[in-house]
Amino acid sequence: ENNDLYIAKAADAYQKAYSLNNKNFAAAFNAGIAYYNQFTSLEEKVSANIKALQNLNANKPAAPKDPKKKLAFDAAFKAQVDSIKKLNVALEAPIKTNVDAAIEWIEKAYNQLKDQEKFTKPEKNVISRSVDFLATLYGFKRDKSRGKDQKAYDEFDAKYNFYDTLHDKYQ
């Protein structure tokens, strides 16, 4: 948890640096990466919860034969499953917030550099990594909207494809 606190402080510091000089693509990129790191940390927690749920289901003991005991057993098992599912539901909002913030800041860095013809080594590194991160983030948003909101899915898919095709351009 201290790690998350320091990442949040780093994001804030980079945002302040960018506000002092809005041409500072590195500050915008680093703010975006701080949010991206928070996103990946939360996604790892979601994955761990899913694994725990899978293990719980895979190792579910046999239910008792007695109908009353079976009801109690099923209720207890459902409570365990629901508690893990609630953890993932609670992580959805912070994940969305971090993904949106990462996109915002990494796009600022990308937009600062995209029209240049020649890049210094740091600029090339930032723009090439920016398109990779943006493709990943829009791919995540696209996958989350699949089957729920077709308009959003199409919009995120278009953004994903846009940034994905730029991968080779900046190598």
N, C-alpha and C. Protein backbone atom coordinates (compact mmCIF):
# COMPACT_ATOMS: atom_id res chain seq x y z
N GLU A 1 0.82 -1.20 0.00
CA GLU A 1 0.00 0.00 0.00
C GLU A 1 0.86 1.26 0.00
N ASN A 2 2.02 1.20 0.65
CA ASN A 2 2.94 2.34 0.58
C ASN A 2 3.38 2.58 -0.85
N ASN A 3 3.55 1.50 -1.60
CA ASN A 3 3.95 1.61 -3.00
C ASN A 3 2.91 2.42 -3.77
N ASP A 4 1.63 2.12 -3.57
CA ASP A 4 0.57 2.85 -4.25
C ASP A 4 0.56 4.33 -3.84
N LEU A 5 0.84 4.59 -2.59
CA LEU A 5 0.90 5.97 -2.11
C LEU A 5 2.01 6.74 -2.80
N TYR A 6 3.18 6.12 -2.93
CA TYR A 6 4.31 6.79 -3.57
C TYR A 6 4.07 6.98 -5.07
N ILE A 7 3.40 6.02 -5.68
CA ILE A 7 3.07 6.16 -7.11
C ILE A 7 2.11 7.33 -7.30
N ALA A 8 1.14 7.46 -6.41
CA ALA A 8 0.18 8.58 -6.50
C ALA A 8 0.90 9.91 -6.31
N LYS A 9 1.86 9.95 -5.37
CA LYS A 9 2.63 11.18 -5.16
C LYS A 9 3.48 11.50 -6.38
N ALA A 10 4.02 10.48 -7.02
CA ALA A 10 4.82 10.69 -8.22
C ALA A 10 3.95 11.25 -9.34
N ALA A 11 2.77 10.69 -9.50
CA ALA A 11 1.85 11.19 -10.54
C ALA A 11 1.53 12.65 -10.30
N ASP A 12 1.28 13.00 -9.05
CA ASP A 12 0.97 14.39 -8.70
C ASP A 12 2.16 15.30 -9.01
N ALA A 13 3.36 14.85 -8.68
CA ALA A 13 4.56 15.66 -8.93
C ALA A 13 4.77 15.87 -10.43
N TYR A 14 4.57 14.82 -11.22
CA TYR A 14 4.73 14.97 -12.67
C TYR A 14 3.66 15.89 -13.26
N GLN A 15 2.45 15.81 -12.72
CA GLN A 15 1.40 16.71 -13.20
C GLN A 15 1.75 18.16 -12.89
N LYS A 16 2.30 18.40 -11.70
CA LYS A 16 2.71 19.76 -11.35
C LYS A 16 3.83 20.24 -12.26
N ALA A 17 4.77 19.36 -12.57
CA ALA A 17 5.86 19.73 -13.48
C ALA A 17 5.31 20.06 -14.86
N TYR A 18 4.33 19.30 -15.30
CA TYR A 18 3.71 19.56 -16.61
C TYR A 18 2.95 20.88 -16.59
N SER A 19 2.31 21.18 -15.47
CA SER A 19 1.55 22.44 -15.39
C SER A 19 2.50 23.66 -15.44
N LEU A 20 3.73 23.48 -15.01
CA LEU A 20 4.72 24.57 -15.09
C LEU A 20 5.23 24.76 -16.52
N ASN A 21 5.23 23.67 -17.29
CA ASN A 21 5.71 23.73 -18.68
C ASN A 21 4.92 22.70 -19.48
N ASN A 22 3.89 23.18 -20.19
CA ASN A 22 3.03 22.23 -20.89
C ASN A 22 3.66 21.68 -22.18
N LYS A 23 4.91 21.95 -22.40
CA LYS A 23 5.66 21.32 -23.50
C LYS A 23 6.52 20.16 -22.97
N ASN A 24 6.45 19.93 -21.69
CA ASN A 24 7.25 18.90 -21.05
C ASN A 24 6.60 17.53 -21.25
N PHE A 25 6.87 16.95 -22.42
CA PHE A 25 6.27 15.66 -22.76
C PHE A 25 6.68 14.56 -21.79
N ALA A 26 7.90 14.65 -21.25
CA ALA A 26 8.38 13.61 -20.33
C ALA A 26 7.58 13.61 -19.03
N ALA A 27 7.23 14.80 -18.55
CA ALA A 27 6.43 14.87 -17.32
C ALA A 27 5.03 14.29 -17.56
N ALA A 28 4.44 14.62 -18.69
CA ALA A 28 3.11 14.08 -19.01
C ALA A 28 3.18 12.57 -19.14
N PHE A 29 4.20 12.08 -19.84
CA PHE A 29 4.36 10.64 -20.02
C PHE A 29 4.55 9.94 -18.68
N ASN A 30 5.40 10.50 -17.83
CA ASN A 30 5.65 9.87 -16.53
C ASN A 30 4.42 9.91 -15.62
N ALA A 31 3.62 10.96 -15.70
CA ALA A 31 2.36 10.99 -14.95
C ALA A 31 1.45 9.86 -15.44
N GLY A 32 1.39 9.70 -16.76
CA GLY A 32 0.58 8.62 -17.32
C GLY A 32 1.09 7.25 -16.91
N ILE A 33 2.39 7.09 -16.87
CA ILE A 33 2.97 5.80 -16.47
C ILE A 33 2.68 5.52 -15.00
N ALA A 34 2.67 6.55 -14.17
CA ALA A 34 2.33 6.35 -12.76
C ALA A 34 0.90 5.80 -12.65
N TYR A 35 -0.02 6.38 -13.40
CA TYR A 35 -1.40 5.87 -13.39
C TYR A 35 -1.48 4.48 -14.00
N TYR A 36 -0.69 4.24 -15.03
CA TYR A 36 -0.66 2.92 -15.66
C TYR A 36 -0.16 1.87 -14.65
N ASN A 37 0.85 2.23 -13.88
CA ASN A 37 1.37 1.30 -12.87
C ASN A 37 0.32 1.02 -11.79
N GLN A 38 -0.44 2.02 -11.41
CA GLN A 38 -1.52 1.79 -10.44
C GLN A 38 -2.57 0.86 -11.05
N PHE A 39 -2.89 1.07 -12.31
CA PHE A 39 -3.83 0.21 -13.01
C PHE A 39 -3.34 -1.24 -13.02
N THR A 40 -2.07 -1.46 -13.37
CA THR A 40 -1.57 -2.83 -13.43
C THR A 40 -1.54 -3.48 -12.05
N SER A 41 -1.26 -2.68 -11.04
CA SER A 41 -1.28 -3.20 -9.67
C SER A 41 -2.68 -3.67 -9.28
N LEU A 42 -3.68 -2.88 -9.63
CA LEU A 42 -5.06 -3.26 -9.34
C LEU A 42 -5.50 -4.46 -10.18
N GLU A 43 -5.06 -4.52 -11.42
CA GLU A 43 -5.38 -5.65 -12.29
C GLU A 43 -4.78 -6.94 -11.75
N GLU A 44 -3.59 -6.85 -11.15
CA GLU A 44 -2.97 -8.03 -10.53
C GLU A 44 -3.81 -8.52 -9.36
N LYS A 45 -4.40 -7.58 -8.61
CA LYS A 45 -5.28 -7.97 -7.51
C LYS A 45 -6.53 -8.66 -8.04
N VAL A 46 -7.08 -8.16 -9.14
CA VAL A 46 -8.25 -8.78 -9.75
C VAL A 46 -7.89 -10.19 -10.20
N SER A 47 -6.74 -10.35 -10.83
CA SER A 47 -6.30 -11.68 -11.29
C SER A 47 -6.12 -12.63 -10.11
N ALA A 48 -5.55 -12.13 -9.03
CA ALA A 48 -5.37 -12.97 -7.84
C ALA A 48 -6.73 -13.40 -7.28
N ASN A 49 -7.69 -12.48 -7.29
CA ASN A 49 -9.03 -12.82 -6.81
C ASN A 49 -9.70 -13.85 -7.71
N ILE A 50 -9.51 -13.73 -9.00
CA ILE A 50 -10.08 -14.70 -9.94
C ILE A 50 -9.44 -16.07 -9.71
N LYS A 51 -8.13 -16.08 -9.49
CA LYS A 51 -7.45 -17.36 -9.19
C LYS A 51 -7.98 -17.96 -7.90
N ALA A 52 -8.19 -17.11 -6.90
CA ALA A 52 -8.72 -17.61 -5.63
C ALA A 52 -10.11 -18.19 -5.83
N LEU A 53 -10.90 -17.55 -6.65
CA LEU A 53 -12.24 -18.05 -6.96
C LEU A 53 -12.18 -19.37 -7.70
N GLN A 54 -11.27 -19.47 -8.64
CA GLN A 54 -11.09 -20.73 -9.38
C GLN A 54 -10.64 -21.85 -8.44
N ASN A 55 -9.70 -21.53 -7.55
CA ASN A 55 -9.24 -22.53 -6.58
C ASN A 55 -10.36 -22.95 -5.65
N LEU A 56 -11.15 -21.99 -5.23
CA LEU A 56 -12.27 -22.28 -4.35
C LEU A 56 -13.25 -23.23 -5.04
N ASN A 57 -13.56 -22.94 -6.30
CA ASN A 57 -14.48 -23.80 -7.04
C ASN A 57 -13.87 -25.17 -7.34
N ALA A 58 -12.58 -25.19 -7.66
CA ALA A 58 -11.92 -26.46 -7.99
C ALA A 58 -11.79 -27.37 -6.77
N ASN A 59 -11.63 -26.77 -5.61
CA ASN A 59 -11.42 -27.55 -4.39
C ASN A 59 -12.66 -27.60 -3.50
N LYS A 60 -13.79 -27.37 -4.10
CA LYS A 60 -15.05 -27.38 -3.34
C LYS A 60 -15.30 -28.80 -2.81
N PRO A 61 -15.45 -28.92 -1.50
CA PRO A 61 -15.71 -30.26 -0.95
C PRO A 61 -17.12 -30.73 -1.35
N ALA A 62 -17.30 -32.01 -1.26
CA ALA A 62 -18.60 -32.58 -1.60
C ALA A 62 -19.64 -32.09 -0.59
N ALA A 63 -20.82 -31.79 -1.09
CA ALA A 63 -21.91 -31.31 -0.23
C ALA A 63 -22.47 -32.49 0.58
N PRO A 64 -22.88 -32.21 1.81
CA PRO A 64 -23.48 -33.27 2.62
C PRO A 64 -24.78 -33.77 1.98
N LYS A 65 -25.13 -35.00 2.30
CA LYS A 65 -26.35 -35.60 1.74
C LYS A 65 -27.61 -35.07 2.43
N ASP A 66 -27.50 -34.75 3.70
CA ASP A 66 -28.65 -34.26 4.46
C ASP A 66 -29.10 -32.92 3.87
N PRO A 67 -30.38 -32.78 3.47
CA PRO A 67 -30.85 -31.54 2.84
C PRO A 67 -30.64 -30.29 3.68
N LYS A 68 -30.81 -30.37 5.00
CA LYS A 68 -30.61 -29.20 5.86
C LYS A 68 -29.14 -28.80 5.90
N LYS A 69 -28.27 -29.81 6.03
CA LYS A 69 -26.83 -29.53 6.05
C LYS A 69 -26.36 -29.04 4.68
N LYS A 70 -26.98 -29.57 3.62
CA LYS A 70 -26.61 -29.15 2.27
C LYS A 70 -26.96 -27.68 2.06
N LEU A 71 -28.11 -27.24 2.54
CA LEU A 71 -28.50 -25.84 2.44
C LEU A 71 -27.49 -24.93 3.14
N ALA A 72 -27.11 -25.32 4.35
CA ALA A 72 -26.14 -24.54 5.12
C ALA A 72 -24.78 -24.53 4.41
N PHE A 73 -24.39 -25.69 3.90
CA PHE A 73 -23.12 -25.80 3.18
C PHE A 73 -23.13 -24.89 1.95
N ASP A 74 -24.22 -24.96 1.16
CA ASP A 74 -24.32 -24.14 -0.04
C ASP A 74 -24.31 -22.65 0.30
N ALA A 75 -24.98 -22.27 1.37
CA ALA A 75 -25.01 -20.87 1.78
C ALA A 75 -23.62 -20.39 2.19
N ALA A 76 -22.90 -21.22 2.93
CA ALA A 76 -21.55 -20.85 3.36
C ALA A 76 -20.62 -20.73 2.16
N PHE A 77 -20.73 -21.67 1.23
CA PHE A 77 -19.88 -21.63 0.04
C PHE A 77 -20.20 -20.40 -0.81
N LYS A 78 -21.48 -20.10 -0.96
CA LYS A 78 -21.91 -18.93 -1.73
C LYS A 78 -21.38 -17.65 -1.07
N ALA A 79 -21.37 -17.60 0.25
CA ALA A 79 -20.85 -16.43 0.96
C ALA A 79 -19.35 -16.24 0.65
N GLN A 80 -18.60 -17.32 0.58
CA GLN A 80 -17.18 -17.23 0.24
C GLN A 80 -17.00 -16.71 -1.18
N VAL A 81 -17.77 -17.26 -2.10
CA VAL A 81 -17.69 -16.84 -3.50
C VAL A 81 -18.08 -15.37 -3.64
N ASP A 82 -19.16 -14.98 -2.99
CA ASP A 82 -19.63 -13.60 -3.07
C ASP A 82 -18.62 -12.61 -2.49
N SER A 83 -17.93 -13.01 -1.43
CA SER A 83 -16.94 -12.09 -0.84
C SER A 83 -15.79 -11.83 -1.80
N ILE A 84 -15.38 -12.84 -2.55
CA ILE A 84 -14.31 -12.64 -3.53
C ILE A 84 -14.82 -11.79 -4.70
N LYS A 85 -16.05 -12.06 -5.13
CA LYS A 85 -16.62 -11.27 -6.23
C LYS A 85 -16.77 -9.81 -5.83
N LYS A 86 -17.12 -9.55 -4.58
CA LYS A 86 -17.26 -8.16 -4.10
C LYS A 86 -15.92 -7.42 -4.15
N LEU A 87 -14.84 -8.14 -3.88
CA LEU A 87 -13.52 -7.52 -3.94
C LEU A 87 -13.24 -7.01 -5.35
N ASN A 88 -13.58 -7.82 -6.35
CA ASN A 88 -13.35 -7.39 -7.73
C ASN A 88 -14.26 -6.25 -8.14
N VAL A 89 -15.51 -6.27 -7.67
CA VAL A 89 -16.43 -5.18 -7.97
C VAL A 89 -15.90 -3.88 -7.37
N ALA A 90 -15.34 -3.97 -6.17
CA ALA A 90 -14.80 -2.78 -5.50
C ALA A 90 -13.58 -2.22 -6.25
N LEU A 91 -12.88 -3.08 -6.99
CA LEU A 91 -11.69 -2.62 -7.72
C LEU A 91 -12.03 -2.00 -9.07
N GLU A 92 -13.25 -2.20 -9.56
CA GLU A 92 -13.61 -1.70 -10.89
C GLU A 92 -13.50 -0.18 -11.00
N ALA A 93 -14.01 0.56 -10.04
CA ALA A 93 -13.98 2.03 -10.11
C ALA A 93 -12.55 2.58 -10.08
N PRO A 94 -11.68 2.13 -9.15
CA PRO A 94 -10.31 2.66 -9.19
C PRO A 94 -9.55 2.25 -10.46
N ILE A 95 -9.85 1.08 -10.99
CA ILE A 95 -9.20 0.67 -12.24
C ILE A 95 -9.62 1.61 -13.36
N LYS A 96 -10.90 1.88 -13.47
CA LYS A 96 -11.40 2.77 -14.52
C LYS A 96 -10.78 4.16 -14.39
N THR A 97 -10.71 4.67 -13.16
CA THR A 97 -10.13 5.98 -12.91
C THR A 97 -8.67 6.03 -13.36
N ASN A 98 -7.91 5.00 -13.01
CA ASN A 98 -6.50 4.97 -13.36
C ASN A 98 -6.28 4.79 -14.86
N VAL A 99 -7.12 3.98 -15.50
CA VAL A 99 -7.01 3.80 -16.95
C VAL A 99 -7.29 5.12 -17.65
N ASP A 100 -8.36 5.79 -17.25
CA ASP A 100 -8.71 7.08 -17.89
C ASP A 100 -7.61 8.12 -17.67
N ALA A 101 -7.06 8.18 -16.47
CA ALA A 101 -5.99 9.15 -16.19
C ALA A 101 -4.73 8.79 -16.97
N ALA A 102 -4.41 7.51 -17.05
CA ALA A 102 -3.22 7.10 -17.82
C ALA A 102 -3.38 7.49 -19.28
N ILE A 103 -4.55 7.25 -19.84
CA ILE A 103 -4.80 7.62 -21.24
C ILE A 103 -4.66 9.12 -21.42
N GLU A 104 -5.26 9.88 -20.52
CA GLU A 104 -5.21 11.34 -20.62
C GLU A 104 -3.77 11.85 -20.67
N TRP A 105 -2.94 11.38 -19.75
CA TRP A 105 -1.58 11.90 -19.64
C TRP A 105 -0.66 11.34 -20.71
N ILE A 106 -0.81 10.08 -21.06
CA ILE A 106 0.05 9.53 -22.11
C ILE A 106 -0.31 10.14 -23.45
N GLU A 107 -1.60 10.41 -23.68
CA GLU A 107 -1.98 11.09 -24.92
C GLU A 107 -1.43 12.51 -24.98
N LYS A 108 -1.30 13.17 -23.85
CA LYS A 108 -0.68 14.50 -23.84
C LYS A 108 0.76 14.41 -24.33
N ALA A 109 1.47 13.41 -23.85
CA ALA A 109 2.86 13.22 -24.28
C ALA A 109 2.91 12.88 -25.76
N TYR A 110 2.05 11.97 -26.19
CA TYR A 110 2.00 11.58 -27.59
C TYR A 110 1.69 12.79 -28.48
N ASN A 111 0.71 13.59 -28.10
CA ASN A 111 0.31 14.75 -28.90
C ASN A 111 1.41 15.80 -28.99
N GLN A 112 2.27 15.87 -27.97
CA GLN A 112 3.39 16.82 -28.02
C GLN A 112 4.40 16.42 -29.09
N LEU A 113 4.50 15.11 -29.33
CA LEU A 113 5.58 14.61 -30.20
C LEU A 113 5.13 14.15 -31.58
N LYS A 114 3.87 13.87 -31.77
CA LYS A 114 3.41 13.16 -32.96
C LYS A 114 3.71 13.86 -34.28
N ASP A 115 3.78 15.17 -34.31
CA ASP A 115 3.97 15.89 -35.56
C ASP A 115 5.44 16.14 -35.92
N GLN A 116 6.34 15.75 -35.05
CA GLN A 116 7.76 15.94 -35.33
C GLN A 116 8.22 14.96 -36.40
N GLU A 117 9.19 15.41 -37.19
CA GLU A 117 9.75 14.53 -38.22
C GLU A 117 10.92 13.73 -37.68
N LYS A 118 11.74 14.36 -36.86
CA LYS A 118 12.91 13.68 -36.29
C LYS A 118 12.81 13.73 -34.78
N PHE A 119 13.30 12.67 -34.16
CA PHE A 119 13.21 12.55 -32.70
C PHE A 119 14.58 12.36 -32.10
N THR A 120 14.76 12.97 -30.93
CA THR A 120 15.94 12.64 -30.14
C THR A 120 15.69 11.26 -29.55
N LYS A 121 16.70 10.69 -28.97
CA LYS A 121 16.54 9.35 -28.40
C LYS A 121 15.45 9.32 -27.31
N PRO A 122 15.42 10.27 -26.37
CA PRO A 122 14.36 10.25 -25.36
C PRO A 122 12.96 10.45 -25.98
N GLU A 123 12.88 11.32 -26.97
CA GLU A 123 11.58 11.56 -27.62
C GLU A 123 11.09 10.30 -28.33
N LYS A 124 12.01 9.63 -29.01
CA LYS A 124 11.64 8.40 -29.72
C LYS A 124 11.19 7.33 -28.73
N ASN A 125 11.88 7.23 -27.62
CA ASN A 125 11.51 6.26 -26.59
C ASN A 125 10.11 6.56 -26.06
N VAL A 126 9.84 7.83 -25.75
CA VAL A 126 8.54 8.21 -25.20
C VAL A 126 7.42 7.96 -26.20
N ILE A 127 7.61 8.37 -27.44
CA ILE A 127 6.51 8.22 -28.40
C ILE A 127 6.27 6.75 -28.75
N SER A 128 7.33 5.96 -28.86
CA SER A 128 7.12 4.55 -29.18
C SER A 128 6.44 3.82 -28.03
N ARG A 129 6.84 4.13 -26.82
CA ARG A 129 6.20 3.50 -25.67
C ARG A 129 4.79 4.04 -25.46
N SER A 130 4.57 5.31 -25.81
CA SER A 130 3.23 5.89 -25.67
C SER A 130 2.21 5.15 -26.52
N VAL A 131 2.56 4.89 -27.78
CA VAL A 131 1.58 4.20 -28.63
C VAL A 131 1.33 2.78 -28.14
N ASP A 132 2.37 2.14 -27.59
CA ASP A 132 2.17 0.79 -27.04
C ASP A 132 1.25 0.81 -25.82
N PHE A 133 1.51 1.74 -24.90
CA PHE A 133 0.67 1.84 -23.71
C PHE A 133 -0.76 2.23 -24.07
N LEU A 134 -0.91 3.15 -25.00
CA LEU A 134 -2.26 3.58 -25.39
C LEU A 134 -3.02 2.46 -26.07
N ALA A 135 -2.36 1.66 -26.88
CA ALA A 135 -3.02 0.52 -27.50
C ALA A 135 -3.47 -0.46 -26.41
N THR A 136 -2.61 -0.71 -25.44
CA THR A 136 -2.96 -1.61 -24.34
C THR A 136 -4.14 -1.09 -23.55
N LEU A 137 -4.12 0.19 -23.22
CA LEU A 137 -5.19 0.78 -22.41
C LEU A 137 -6.52 0.81 -23.17
N TYR A 138 -6.48 1.18 -24.43
CA TYR A 138 -7.73 1.18 -25.21
C TYR A 138 -8.21 -0.24 -25.46
N GLY A 139 -7.29 -1.18 -25.59
CA GLY A 139 -7.69 -2.59 -25.71
C GLY A 139 -8.40 -3.06 -24.46
N PHE A 140 -7.90 -2.64 -23.29
CA PHE A 140 -8.54 -2.99 -22.03
C PHE A 140 -9.96 -2.40 -21.97
N LYS A 141 -10.07 -1.12 -22.32
CA LYS A 141 -11.39 -0.47 -22.28
C LYS A 141 -12.35 -1.12 -23.28
N ARG A 142 -11.83 -1.46 -24.44
CA ARG A 142 -12.65 -2.14 -25.46
C ARG A 142 -13.17 -3.46 -24.92
N ASP A 143 -12.28 -4.24 -24.32
CA ASP A 143 -12.68 -5.55 -23.81
C ASP A 143 -13.70 -5.43 -22.67
N LYS A 144 -13.57 -4.40 -21.86
CA LYS A 144 -14.52 -4.20 -20.76
C LYS A 144 -15.90 -3.79 -21.27
N SER A 145 -15.96 -3.14 -22.43
CA SER A 145 -17.26 -2.69 -22.95
C SER A 145 -17.90 -3.72 -23.88
N ARG A 146 -17.16 -4.79 -24.17
CA ARG A 146 -17.68 -5.83 -25.07
C ARG A 146 -18.97 -6.41 -24.50
N GLY A 147 -20.00 -6.42 -25.35
CA GLY A 147 -21.28 -7.00 -24.97
C GLY A 147 -22.14 -6.11 -24.08
N LYS A 148 -21.62 -4.94 -23.70
CA LYS A 148 -22.37 -4.05 -22.81
C LYS A 148 -22.80 -2.78 -23.54
N ASP A 149 -21.88 -2.20 -24.30
CA ASP A 149 -22.13 -0.93 -24.98
C ASP A 149 -21.44 -0.96 -26.34
N GLN A 150 -22.19 -1.27 -27.38
CA GLN A 150 -21.61 -1.45 -28.71
C GLN A 150 -20.96 -0.17 -29.23
N LYS A 151 -21.57 0.98 -28.95
CA LYS A 151 -21.00 2.25 -29.42
C LYS A 151 -19.63 2.49 -28.77
N ALA A 152 -19.55 2.28 -27.46
CA ALA A 152 -18.27 2.45 -26.76
C ALA A 152 -17.26 1.42 -27.26
N TYR A 153 -17.70 0.20 -27.46
CA TYR A 153 -16.81 -0.84 -27.95
C TYR A 153 -16.20 -0.43 -29.29
N ASP A 154 -17.03 0.05 -30.20
CA ASP A 154 -16.54 0.47 -31.52
C ASP A 154 -15.56 1.64 -31.41
N GLU A 155 -15.88 2.58 -30.51
CA GLU A 155 -15.01 3.74 -30.31
C GLU A 155 -13.64 3.30 -29.76
N PHE A 156 -13.65 2.44 -28.74
CA PHE A 156 -12.39 1.98 -28.15
C PHE A 156 -11.62 1.08 -29.11
N ASP A 157 -12.34 0.31 -29.92
CA ASP A 157 -11.68 -0.55 -30.90
C ASP A 157 -10.98 0.31 -31.96
N ALA A 158 -11.62 1.39 -32.37
CA ALA A 158 -11.01 2.29 -33.34
C ALA A 158 -9.75 2.92 -32.76
N LYS A 159 -9.81 3.35 -31.51
CA LYS A 159 -8.63 3.94 -30.85
C LYS A 159 -7.52 2.90 -30.71
N TYR A 160 -7.92 1.69 -30.30
CA TYR A 160 -6.94 0.61 -30.16
C TYR A 160 -6.24 0.38 -31.50
N ASN A 161 -7.01 0.23 -32.56
CA ASN A 161 -6.43 -0.03 -33.88
C ASN A 161 -5.55 1.13 -34.35
N PHE A 162 -5.97 2.36 -34.06
CA PHE A 162 -5.18 3.52 -34.43
C PHE A 162 -3.80 3.46 -33.78
N TYR A 163 -3.75 3.27 -32.47
CA TYR A 163 -2.45 3.25 -31.78
C TYR A 163 -1.66 1.99 -32.09
N ASP A 164 -2.35 0.89 -32.31
CA ASP A 164 -1.66 -0.36 -32.61
C ASP A 164 -0.94 -0.27 -33.96
N THR A 165 -1.55 0.41 -34.93
CA THR A 165 -0.91 0.55 -36.24
C THR A 165 0.30 1.49 -36.19
N LEU A 166 0.36 2.35 -35.18
CA LEU A 166 1.50 3.28 -35.07
C LEU A 166 2.73 2.64 -34.45
N HIS A 167 2.59 1.42 -33.96
CA HIS A 167 3.69 0.74 -33.27
C HIS A 167 4.96 0.74 -34.12
N ASP A 168 4.86 0.32 -35.37
CA ASP A 168 6.05 0.21 -36.22
C ASP A 168 6.55 1.56 -36.70
N LYS A 169 5.69 2.56 -36.72
CA LYS A 169 6.07 3.89 -37.23
C LYS A 169 7.18 4.52 -36.38
N TYR A 170 7.15 4.27 -35.09
CA TYR A 170 8.09 4.95 -34.19
C TYR A 170 9.21 4.04 -33.68
N GLN A 171 9.40 2.90 -34.31
CA GLN A 171 10.48 1.99 -33.87
C GLN A 171 11.81 2.41 -34.40
